[in-house]
N, C-alpha and C. Protein backbone atom coordinates (compact mmCIF):
# COMPACT_ATOMS: atom_id res chain seq x y z
N MET A 1 101.09 161.93 164.64
CA MET A 1 100.76 162.08 166.05
C MET A 1 99.25 162.22 166.17
N GLU A 2 98.70 161.65 167.22
CA GLU A 2 97.26 161.75 167.47
C GLU A 2 96.89 163.20 167.81
N PHE A 3 95.72 163.63 167.32
CA PHE A 3 95.32 165.03 167.48
C PHE A 3 95.24 165.44 168.95
N ASP A 4 94.71 164.60 169.82
CA ASP A 4 94.60 164.99 171.22
C ASP A 4 95.98 165.21 171.85
N ARG A 5 97.00 164.49 171.39
CA ARG A 5 98.36 164.72 171.88
C ARG A 5 98.92 166.03 171.34
N ILE A 6 98.59 166.35 170.08
CA ILE A 6 99.03 167.63 169.50
C ILE A 6 98.45 168.79 170.31
N VAL A 7 97.15 168.71 170.60
CA VAL A 7 96.49 169.77 171.37
C VAL A 7 97.12 169.89 172.75
N ALA A 8 97.36 168.77 173.40
CA ALA A 8 97.92 168.79 174.75
C ALA A 8 99.36 169.32 174.77
N ARG A 9 100.13 169.08 173.72
CA ARG A 9 101.54 169.49 173.70
C ARG A 9 101.74 170.92 173.20
N ARG A 10 100.73 171.52 172.58
CA ARG A 10 100.88 172.86 172.02
C ARG A 10 101.02 173.88 173.14
N ARG A 11 102.03 174.71 173.03
CA ARG A 11 102.21 175.82 173.96
C ARG A 11 102.99 176.91 173.24
N MET A 12 102.95 178.12 173.76
CA MET A 12 103.70 179.21 173.18
C MET A 12 105.15 179.13 173.64
N VAL A 13 106.07 179.13 172.68
CA VAL A 13 107.49 179.00 172.98
C VAL A 13 108.19 180.28 172.55
N ARG A 14 109.07 180.77 173.40
CA ARG A 14 109.81 182.01 173.12
C ARG A 14 111.31 181.84 173.24
N ARG A 15 111.77 180.58 173.26
CA ARG A 15 113.21 180.31 173.26
C ARG A 15 113.45 179.15 172.30
N TYR A 16 114.41 179.35 171.41
CA TYR A 16 114.70 178.35 170.39
C TYR A 16 116.19 178.10 170.28
N ARG A 17 116.53 176.89 169.84
CA ARG A 17 117.91 176.63 169.45
C ARG A 17 118.15 177.39 168.16
N ASN A 18 119.32 177.92 168.00
CA ASN A 18 119.68 178.64 166.78
C ASN A 18 120.10 177.60 165.73
N GLU A 19 119.09 176.93 165.20
CA GLU A 19 119.30 175.82 164.28
C GLU A 19 118.31 175.94 163.12
N PRO A 20 118.78 175.84 161.88
CA PRO A 20 117.87 175.98 160.74
C PRO A 20 116.84 174.84 160.69
N ILE A 21 115.74 175.12 160.03
CA ILE A 21 114.65 174.16 159.87
C ILE A 21 114.58 173.74 158.41
N ASP A 22 114.43 172.44 158.17
CA ASP A 22 114.29 171.96 156.79
C ASP A 22 113.06 172.58 156.15
N ARG A 23 113.22 173.00 154.91
CA ARG A 23 112.14 173.68 154.19
C ARG A 23 110.87 172.83 154.12
N HIS A 24 111.00 171.53 153.95
CA HIS A 24 109.78 170.71 153.85
C HIS A 24 108.96 170.74 155.14
N LEU A 25 109.62 170.88 156.29
CA LEU A 25 108.88 171.00 157.55
C LEU A 25 108.14 172.34 157.62
N ILE A 26 108.82 173.40 157.19
CA ILE A 26 108.19 174.72 157.15
C ILE A 26 106.97 174.69 156.23
N GLU A 27 107.13 174.08 155.06
CA GLU A 27 106.03 174.00 154.10
C GLU A 27 104.85 173.23 154.68
N ARG A 28 105.11 172.17 155.41
CA ARG A 28 104.01 171.40 156.03
C ARG A 28 103.25 172.27 157.02
N VAL A 29 103.98 173.04 157.82
CA VAL A 29 103.32 173.92 158.80
C VAL A 29 102.50 174.99 158.08
N VAL A 30 103.09 175.64 157.09
CA VAL A 30 102.38 176.70 156.37
C VAL A 30 101.18 176.14 155.63
N ASN A 31 101.31 174.95 155.06
CA ASN A 31 100.17 174.35 154.36
C ASN A 31 99.01 174.08 155.31
N ALA A 32 99.32 173.78 156.58
CA ALA A 32 98.24 173.63 157.56
C ALA A 32 97.48 174.95 157.70
N GLY A 33 98.20 176.08 157.73
CA GLY A 33 97.56 177.39 157.82
C GLY A 33 96.74 177.72 156.59
N VAL A 34 97.27 177.36 155.43
CA VAL A 34 96.57 177.62 154.16
C VAL A 34 95.25 176.85 154.10
N HIS A 35 95.23 175.67 154.70
CA HIS A 35 94.03 174.83 154.63
C HIS A 35 93.02 175.10 155.73
N ALA A 36 93.24 176.11 156.54
CA ALA A 36 92.26 176.48 157.56
C ALA A 36 90.98 176.97 156.88
N PRO A 37 89.85 176.87 157.55
CA PRO A 37 88.59 177.31 156.95
C PRO A 37 88.54 178.83 156.75
N SER A 38 87.66 179.24 155.84
CA SER A 38 87.45 180.68 155.61
C SER A 38 85.99 180.91 155.22
N ALA A 39 85.47 182.05 155.63
CA ALA A 39 84.07 182.41 155.35
C ALA A 39 83.81 182.38 153.85
N GLY A 40 82.82 181.63 153.47
CA GLY A 40 82.45 181.55 152.06
C GLY A 40 83.57 181.00 151.17
N PHE A 41 84.53 180.35 151.78
CA PHE A 41 85.72 179.86 151.07
C PHE A 41 86.42 181.02 150.36
N SER A 42 86.47 182.16 151.07
CA SER A 42 87.12 183.36 150.54
C SER A 42 88.63 183.21 150.44
N GLN A 43 89.21 182.42 151.32
CA GLN A 43 90.65 182.13 151.32
C GLN A 43 91.50 183.40 151.35
N GLY A 44 91.18 184.27 152.29
CA GLY A 44 91.90 185.54 152.38
C GLY A 44 93.13 185.52 153.27
N GLN A 45 93.45 184.37 153.85
CA GLN A 45 94.64 184.29 154.69
C GLN A 45 95.89 184.34 153.80
N ARG A 46 96.89 185.08 154.27
CA ARG A 46 98.16 185.23 153.54
C ARG A 46 99.31 185.03 154.51
N PHE A 47 100.43 184.56 154.01
CA PHE A 47 101.57 184.20 154.85
C PHE A 47 102.86 184.67 154.19
N VAL A 48 103.72 185.32 154.95
CA VAL A 48 105.06 185.66 154.47
C VAL A 48 106.03 184.87 155.35
N VAL A 49 106.74 183.93 154.74
CA VAL A 49 107.70 183.09 155.47
C VAL A 49 109.07 183.76 155.39
N VAL A 50 109.66 184.02 156.55
CA VAL A 50 110.95 184.70 156.61
C VAL A 50 111.96 183.79 157.30
N THR A 51 113.03 183.46 156.58
CA THR A 51 114.12 182.66 157.15
C THR A 51 115.44 183.44 157.14
N ASP A 52 115.52 184.51 156.37
CA ASP A 52 116.74 185.30 156.27
C ASP A 52 117.05 185.98 157.61
N ALA A 53 118.26 185.77 158.11
CA ALA A 53 118.65 186.29 159.43
C ALA A 53 118.56 187.81 159.51
N LYS A 54 118.93 188.51 158.45
CA LYS A 54 118.88 189.98 158.48
C LYS A 54 117.44 190.48 158.58
N VAL A 55 116.54 189.84 157.85
CA VAL A 55 115.14 190.26 157.90
C VAL A 55 114.55 189.91 159.27
N ARG A 56 114.89 188.74 159.79
CA ARG A 56 114.41 188.37 161.13
C ARG A 56 114.92 189.36 162.18
N SER A 57 116.15 189.82 162.04
CA SER A 57 116.68 190.83 162.96
C SER A 57 115.92 192.15 162.84
N SER A 58 115.56 192.52 161.61
CA SER A 58 114.75 193.74 161.41
C SER A 58 113.39 193.59 162.07
N ILE A 59 112.81 192.41 161.95
CA ILE A 59 111.51 192.16 162.59
C ILE A 59 111.66 192.26 164.10
N ALA A 60 112.73 191.70 164.64
CA ALA A 60 112.98 191.76 166.09
C ALA A 60 113.13 193.21 166.55
N ARG A 61 113.85 194.02 165.77
CA ARG A 61 114.00 195.44 166.12
C ARG A 61 112.65 196.15 166.06
N ALA A 62 111.82 195.80 165.09
CA ALA A 62 110.49 196.42 164.96
C ALA A 62 109.61 196.11 166.16
N ALA A 63 109.90 195.00 166.85
CA ALA A 63 109.15 194.63 168.06
C ALA A 63 109.87 195.08 169.32
N ASN A 64 110.96 195.83 169.15
CA ASN A 64 111.73 196.33 170.29
C ASN A 64 112.21 195.19 171.19
N GLU A 65 112.79 194.17 170.55
CA GLU A 65 113.27 193.01 171.28
C GLU A 65 114.32 193.39 172.34
N ASP A 66 115.11 194.41 172.09
CA ASP A 66 116.11 194.84 173.07
C ASP A 66 115.47 195.20 174.40
N SER A 67 114.31 195.82 174.36
CA SER A 67 113.60 196.18 175.59
C SER A 67 113.16 194.91 176.33
N PHE A 68 112.68 193.93 175.58
CA PHE A 68 112.27 192.63 176.12
C PHE A 68 113.47 191.98 176.82
N ALA A 69 114.62 191.98 176.14
CA ALA A 69 115.83 191.37 176.68
C ALA A 69 116.34 192.13 177.91
N SER A 70 116.14 193.45 177.93
CA SER A 70 116.62 194.25 179.07
C SER A 70 115.86 193.93 180.36
N LYS A 71 114.71 193.27 180.23
CA LYS A 71 113.92 192.88 181.41
C LYS A 71 114.32 191.49 181.91
N GLY A 72 115.40 190.94 181.33
CA GLY A 72 115.90 189.66 181.80
C GLY A 72 115.49 188.47 180.96
N PHE A 73 114.77 188.71 179.89
CA PHE A 73 114.36 187.61 179.02
C PHE A 73 115.41 187.40 177.93
N ASP A 74 115.47 186.19 177.42
CA ASP A 74 116.36 185.91 176.30
C ASP A 74 115.78 186.49 175.02
N PRO A 75 116.63 186.89 174.07
CA PRO A 75 116.11 187.30 172.76
C PRO A 75 115.25 186.17 172.17
N TRP A 76 114.19 186.56 171.53
CA TRP A 76 113.24 185.57 171.03
C TRP A 76 113.16 185.63 169.52
N LEU A 77 112.70 186.75 169.00
CA LEU A 77 112.44 186.86 167.57
C LEU A 77 113.71 186.73 166.74
N SER A 78 114.78 187.34 167.18
CA SER A 78 116.02 187.31 166.40
C SER A 78 116.64 185.92 166.38
N VAL A 79 116.32 185.08 167.35
CA VAL A 79 116.88 183.74 167.42
C VAL A 79 116.01 182.71 166.69
N ALA A 80 114.71 182.89 166.71
CA ALA A 80 113.82 181.93 166.05
C ALA A 80 114.20 181.83 164.57
N PRO A 81 114.46 180.63 164.07
CA PRO A 81 114.94 180.49 162.70
C PRO A 81 113.91 180.75 161.62
N VAL A 82 112.63 180.76 161.99
CA VAL A 82 111.57 180.99 161.00
C VAL A 82 110.54 181.94 161.60
N HIS A 83 110.16 182.93 160.82
CA HIS A 83 109.03 183.80 161.15
C HIS A 83 107.98 183.61 160.06
N ILE A 84 106.74 183.48 160.47
CA ILE A 84 105.63 183.47 159.52
C ILE A 84 104.78 184.70 159.84
N VAL A 85 104.81 185.67 158.95
CA VAL A 85 103.99 186.86 159.14
C VAL A 85 102.59 186.50 158.68
N LEU A 86 101.67 186.51 159.61
CA LEU A 86 100.30 186.04 159.39
C LEU A 86 99.42 187.22 159.01
N CYS A 87 98.85 187.16 157.82
CA CYS A 87 98.10 188.29 157.26
C CYS A 87 96.70 187.87 156.83
N THR A 88 95.87 188.86 156.60
CA THR A 88 94.54 188.62 156.05
C THR A 88 94.21 189.73 155.05
N ASP A 89 93.56 189.35 153.98
CA ASP A 89 93.23 190.27 152.90
C ASP A 89 91.72 190.47 152.84
N PRO A 90 91.19 191.54 153.47
CA PRO A 90 89.76 191.78 153.42
C PRO A 90 89.21 191.89 151.99
N GLY A 91 90.04 192.31 151.05
CA GLY A 91 89.61 192.40 149.66
C GLY A 91 89.19 191.04 149.09
N ALA A 92 89.82 189.98 149.54
CA ALA A 92 89.45 188.64 149.09
C ALA A 92 88.01 188.31 149.50
N TYR A 93 87.59 188.83 150.66
CA TYR A 93 86.22 188.59 151.15
C TYR A 93 85.22 189.43 150.35
N ARG A 94 85.59 190.69 150.10
CA ARG A 94 84.70 191.53 149.29
C ARG A 94 84.53 190.95 147.89
N ASP A 95 85.64 190.48 147.31
CA ASP A 95 85.56 189.87 145.97
C ASP A 95 84.70 188.61 146.00
N ARG A 96 84.93 187.75 146.97
CA ARG A 96 84.19 186.49 147.04
C ARG A 96 82.70 186.75 147.24
N TYR A 97 82.37 187.70 148.12
CA TYR A 97 80.95 187.95 148.43
C TYR A 97 80.26 188.80 147.37
N SER A 98 80.99 189.23 146.36
CA SER A 98 80.36 189.89 145.21
C SER A 98 80.04 188.89 144.10
N GLU A 99 80.41 187.65 144.28
CA GLU A 99 80.12 186.61 143.28
C GLU A 99 78.65 186.22 143.34
N PRO A 100 78.11 185.65 142.25
CA PRO A 100 76.68 185.37 142.14
C PRO A 100 76.09 184.48 143.24
N ASP A 101 76.89 183.57 143.82
CA ASP A 101 76.32 182.68 144.83
C ASP A 101 76.30 183.29 146.22
N LYS A 102 76.73 184.55 146.35
CA LYS A 102 76.72 185.24 147.64
C LYS A 102 75.82 186.46 147.57
N ASP A 103 75.55 187.07 148.74
CA ASP A 103 74.58 188.18 148.77
C ASP A 103 75.19 189.56 148.54
N GLY A 104 76.51 189.63 148.33
CA GLY A 104 77.14 190.90 148.04
C GLY A 104 77.53 191.72 149.24
N SER A 105 77.23 191.24 150.45
CA SER A 105 77.50 192.03 151.65
C SER A 105 78.65 191.46 152.45
N THR A 106 79.54 192.33 152.88
CA THR A 106 80.54 191.98 153.89
C THR A 106 80.39 192.94 155.07
N ASN A 107 79.19 193.48 155.20
CA ASN A 107 78.88 194.37 156.31
C ASN A 107 78.42 193.51 157.50
N TRP A 108 79.35 192.71 158.00
CA TRP A 108 79.04 191.75 159.06
C TRP A 108 79.29 192.37 160.43
N ASP A 109 78.59 191.87 161.44
CA ASP A 109 78.87 192.28 162.82
C ASP A 109 80.27 191.85 163.23
N VAL A 110 80.73 190.73 162.70
CA VAL A 110 82.05 190.20 162.98
C VAL A 110 82.84 190.23 161.67
N PRO A 111 84.02 190.87 161.62
CA PRO A 111 84.83 190.83 160.41
C PRO A 111 85.49 189.45 160.29
N TYR A 112 84.88 188.59 159.50
CA TYR A 112 85.28 187.18 159.48
C TYR A 112 86.69 186.94 158.98
N TRP A 113 87.32 187.94 158.34
CA TRP A 113 88.72 187.75 157.96
C TRP A 113 89.59 187.58 159.19
N TRP A 114 89.19 188.21 160.32
CA TRP A 114 89.95 188.02 161.56
C TRP A 114 89.68 186.65 162.17
N VAL A 115 88.45 186.18 162.09
CA VAL A 115 88.13 184.83 162.57
C VAL A 115 88.96 183.81 161.78
N ASP A 116 88.99 183.98 160.47
CA ASP A 116 89.68 183.02 159.62
C ASP A 116 91.19 183.05 159.83
N VAL A 117 91.77 184.23 160.03
CA VAL A 117 93.21 184.28 160.28
C VAL A 117 93.51 183.66 161.65
N GLY A 118 92.57 183.74 162.58
CA GLY A 118 92.72 183.04 163.85
C GLY A 118 92.70 181.53 163.67
N ALA A 119 91.84 181.05 162.76
CA ALA A 119 91.83 179.62 162.46
C ALA A 119 93.17 179.20 161.85
N SER A 120 93.71 180.05 160.98
CA SER A 120 95.03 179.76 160.40
C SER A 120 96.11 179.74 161.47
N LEU A 121 96.03 180.67 162.42
CA LEU A 121 96.99 180.70 163.51
C LEU A 121 96.99 179.37 164.26
N MET A 122 95.81 178.89 164.64
CA MET A 122 95.74 177.62 165.36
C MET A 122 96.25 176.47 164.50
N ALA A 123 95.94 176.49 163.21
CA ALA A 123 96.44 175.43 162.33
C ALA A 123 97.96 175.45 162.26
N LEU A 124 98.55 176.65 162.21
CA LEU A 124 100.02 176.76 162.21
C LEU A 124 100.59 176.21 163.52
N LEU A 125 100.01 176.60 164.64
CA LEU A 125 100.52 176.16 165.94
C LEU A 125 100.42 174.64 166.09
N TYR A 126 99.29 174.06 165.68
CA TYR A 126 99.14 172.61 165.74
C TYR A 126 100.04 171.92 164.72
N GLY A 127 100.17 172.53 163.54
CA GLY A 127 101.04 171.96 162.50
C GLY A 127 102.49 171.90 162.96
N ALA A 128 102.92 172.91 163.70
CA ALA A 128 104.29 172.91 164.21
C ALA A 128 104.51 171.72 165.14
N VAL A 129 103.59 171.49 166.06
CA VAL A 129 103.72 170.36 166.99
C VAL A 129 103.73 169.05 166.20
N ASP A 130 102.90 168.95 165.20
CA ASP A 130 102.79 167.72 164.42
C ASP A 130 104.11 167.33 163.74
N VAL A 131 104.91 168.33 163.33
CA VAL A 131 106.18 168.03 162.66
C VAL A 131 107.38 168.08 163.61
N GLY A 132 107.11 168.22 164.92
CA GLY A 132 108.19 168.20 165.90
C GLY A 132 108.84 169.53 166.17
N LEU A 133 108.16 170.62 165.81
CA LEU A 133 108.68 171.96 166.06
C LEU A 133 107.91 172.64 167.18
N SER A 134 108.44 173.73 167.64
CA SER A 134 107.76 174.58 168.61
C SER A 134 107.38 175.88 167.92
N ALA A 135 106.40 176.58 168.48
CA ALA A 135 105.93 177.82 167.88
C ALA A 135 105.52 178.81 168.95
N GLY A 136 105.59 180.08 168.60
CA GLY A 136 105.12 181.16 169.45
C GLY A 136 104.40 182.18 168.58
N PHE A 137 103.76 183.14 169.20
CA PHE A 137 103.02 184.16 168.45
C PHE A 137 103.17 185.50 169.15
N LEU A 138 103.41 186.53 168.36
CA LEU A 138 103.41 187.90 168.85
C LEU A 138 102.50 188.72 167.95
N GLY A 139 101.52 189.39 168.54
CA GLY A 139 100.53 190.15 167.79
C GLY A 139 101.10 191.37 167.11
N ALA A 140 100.44 191.79 166.05
CA ALA A 140 100.88 192.91 165.22
C ALA A 140 101.01 194.20 166.01
N HIS A 141 100.25 194.34 167.10
CA HIS A 141 100.31 195.56 167.90
C HIS A 141 101.72 195.83 168.43
N ALA A 142 102.54 194.79 168.52
CA ALA A 142 103.88 194.92 169.11
C ALA A 142 104.94 195.37 168.11
N PHE A 143 104.56 195.51 166.86
CA PHE A 143 105.54 195.83 165.82
C PHE A 143 105.32 197.23 165.25
N GLU A 144 106.40 197.86 164.88
CA GLU A 144 106.33 199.13 164.19
C GLU A 144 106.97 198.97 162.81
N GLY A 145 106.20 199.25 161.77
CA GLY A 145 106.75 199.22 160.42
C GLY A 145 106.88 197.84 159.81
N LEU A 146 106.12 196.87 160.32
CA LEU A 146 106.24 195.50 159.82
C LEU A 146 105.81 195.36 158.36
N HIS A 147 104.78 196.10 157.94
CA HIS A 147 104.36 196.06 156.54
C HIS A 147 105.54 196.33 155.61
N ALA A 148 106.29 197.38 155.90
CA ALA A 148 107.41 197.76 155.03
C ALA A 148 108.55 196.75 155.08
N ILE A 149 108.83 196.20 156.25
CA ILE A 149 109.95 195.27 156.39
C ILE A 149 109.76 194.05 155.50
N VAL A 150 108.54 193.52 155.44
CA VAL A 150 108.31 192.30 154.67
C VAL A 150 107.50 192.54 153.38
N GLY A 151 107.27 193.81 153.05
CA GLY A 151 106.64 194.14 151.77
C GLY A 151 105.17 193.82 151.66
N VAL A 152 104.46 193.79 152.78
CA VAL A 152 103.02 193.51 152.74
C VAL A 152 102.30 194.76 152.25
N PRO A 153 101.41 194.62 151.24
CA PRO A 153 100.66 195.78 150.76
C PRO A 153 99.82 196.40 151.88
N ASP A 154 99.59 197.70 151.77
CA ASP A 154 98.86 198.43 152.81
C ASP A 154 97.43 197.93 153.02
N ASP A 155 96.80 197.38 151.96
CA ASP A 155 95.42 196.93 152.10
C ASP A 155 95.31 195.52 152.66
N VAL A 156 96.43 194.88 152.94
CA VAL A 156 96.46 193.58 153.59
C VAL A 156 96.82 193.82 155.06
N LEU A 157 96.06 193.21 155.96
CA LEU A 157 96.22 193.42 157.39
C LEU A 157 97.12 192.35 157.99
N ILE A 158 97.94 192.74 158.94
CA ILE A 158 98.83 191.79 159.61
C ILE A 158 98.26 191.47 161.00
N ALA A 159 98.11 190.17 161.29
CA ALA A 159 97.65 189.73 162.60
C ALA A 159 98.82 189.61 163.57
N GLY A 160 99.98 189.20 163.07
CA GLY A 160 101.14 189.04 163.93
C GLY A 160 102.16 188.14 163.29
N VAL A 161 103.10 187.69 164.10
CA VAL A 161 104.19 186.85 163.63
C VAL A 161 104.20 185.55 164.45
N VAL A 162 104.23 184.43 163.72
CA VAL A 162 104.41 183.11 164.33
C VAL A 162 105.88 182.77 164.19
N THR A 163 106.50 182.38 165.30
CA THR A 163 107.89 181.94 165.26
C THR A 163 107.91 180.42 165.30
N LEU A 164 108.86 179.84 164.55
CA LEU A 164 109.02 178.38 164.51
C LEU A 164 110.46 178.03 164.81
N GLY A 165 110.65 176.91 165.43
CA GLY A 165 112.00 176.41 165.66
C GLY A 165 111.97 175.20 166.58
N PHE A 166 113.16 174.76 166.94
CA PHE A 166 113.30 173.71 167.92
C PHE A 166 113.36 174.40 169.28
N GLY A 167 112.31 174.24 170.06
CA GLY A 167 112.20 174.96 171.31
C GLY A 167 113.12 174.42 172.39
N ILE A 168 113.51 175.33 173.27
CA ILE A 168 114.21 174.96 174.49
C ILE A 168 113.41 175.53 175.65
N ASP A 169 113.68 175.05 176.83
CA ASP A 169 112.88 175.44 177.99
C ASP A 169 112.84 176.95 178.16
N ASP A 170 111.63 177.46 178.30
CA ASP A 170 111.45 178.87 178.62
C ASP A 170 111.77 179.08 180.09
N ARG A 171 112.28 180.25 180.42
CA ARG A 171 112.52 180.58 181.81
C ARG A 171 111.24 181.05 182.48
N GLY A 172 110.22 181.27 181.71
CA GLY A 172 108.92 181.63 182.26
C GLY A 172 108.77 183.12 182.49
N SER A 173 107.56 183.51 182.65
CA SER A 173 107.20 184.90 182.90
C SER A 173 107.56 185.28 184.33
N GLN A 174 107.81 186.55 184.54
CA GLN A 174 108.06 187.02 185.90
C GLN A 174 106.76 187.17 186.67
N SER A 175 105.63 187.09 185.98
CA SER A 175 104.34 187.15 186.67
C SER A 175 103.99 185.75 187.17
N VAL A 176 102.95 185.67 187.94
CA VAL A 176 102.50 184.39 188.47
C VAL A 176 102.04 183.50 187.32
N SER A 177 102.53 182.30 187.30
CA SER A 177 102.15 181.35 186.25
C SER A 177 100.71 180.91 186.49
N ARG A 178 99.95 180.85 185.42
CA ARG A 178 98.55 180.46 185.51
C ARG A 178 98.36 179.07 184.96
N GLY A 179 97.57 178.28 185.63
CA GLY A 179 97.21 176.97 185.12
C GLY A 179 96.00 177.08 184.21
N ARG A 180 95.76 176.05 183.45
CA ARG A 180 94.59 176.02 182.57
C ARG A 180 93.34 175.83 183.41
N ILE A 181 92.29 176.58 183.10
CA ILE A 181 91.04 176.43 183.84
C ILE A 181 90.41 175.08 183.50
N ALA A 182 89.61 174.58 184.40
CA ALA A 182 88.92 173.32 184.19
C ALA A 182 87.85 173.50 183.12
N PRO A 183 87.59 172.47 182.32
CA PRO A 183 86.56 172.59 181.27
C PRO A 183 85.21 173.05 181.80
N GLU A 184 84.84 172.61 182.99
CA GLU A 184 83.52 173.00 183.52
C GLU A 184 83.44 174.49 183.85
N GLU A 185 84.58 175.17 183.95
CA GLU A 185 84.57 176.61 184.14
C GLU A 185 84.34 177.35 182.82
N ALA A 186 84.69 176.73 181.72
CA ALA A 186 84.60 177.38 180.41
C ALA A 186 83.41 176.93 179.59
N VAL A 187 82.91 175.74 179.84
CA VAL A 187 81.90 175.13 178.98
C VAL A 187 80.56 175.08 179.70
N ARG A 188 79.51 175.51 179.02
CA ARG A 188 78.14 175.40 179.51
C ARG A 188 77.37 174.52 178.53
N TRP A 189 76.46 173.75 179.04
CA TRP A 189 75.63 172.87 178.20
C TRP A 189 74.20 173.40 178.20
N GLU A 190 73.68 173.58 177.02
CA GLU A 190 72.29 173.96 176.77
C GLU A 190 71.96 175.41 177.13
N HIS A 191 72.58 176.00 178.11
CA HIS A 191 72.24 177.35 178.55
C HIS A 191 73.37 177.86 179.42
N TRP A 192 73.60 179.17 179.49
CA TRP A 192 74.68 179.72 180.32
C TRP A 192 74.45 179.39 181.77
């Protein structure tokens, strides 16, 4: 698929058919995330792919999916056939920047491990569209105990969970739907 079509078709999906996904499609999506850029080629992005229904149900409980459903929304996390727990390992950056070709500092104004995991997130979302899947994202702030559920070490940070599957029409938010702003509202040339 042409990249501009992938970008145009990408959206956050929170309703899926309860249908398994072929492993090779999952691997293609995850490989897109693995190949995202990283500061100094530190490659600190980490991914835990979860397809087991019991673990996905535990993840859904950790995000209090029942409360979400009680507001009139369909269950999301427990139905999505694939969860990708998106992580970043700051230690990979400290190790990389201690190598001879770097200056030894990771005392940056911006913690680039978060920038890089964001690049991986976009690569996963675009990769899903490219293989004919839909994807959604829920940030780590919404989960309680996610590290323990999927066995992520304490020194590795979790950005959130990407859900994959064959999407079905969302019923939409109960809030006012927002359209995309025009490029001229977001983009400035040469000066603000």
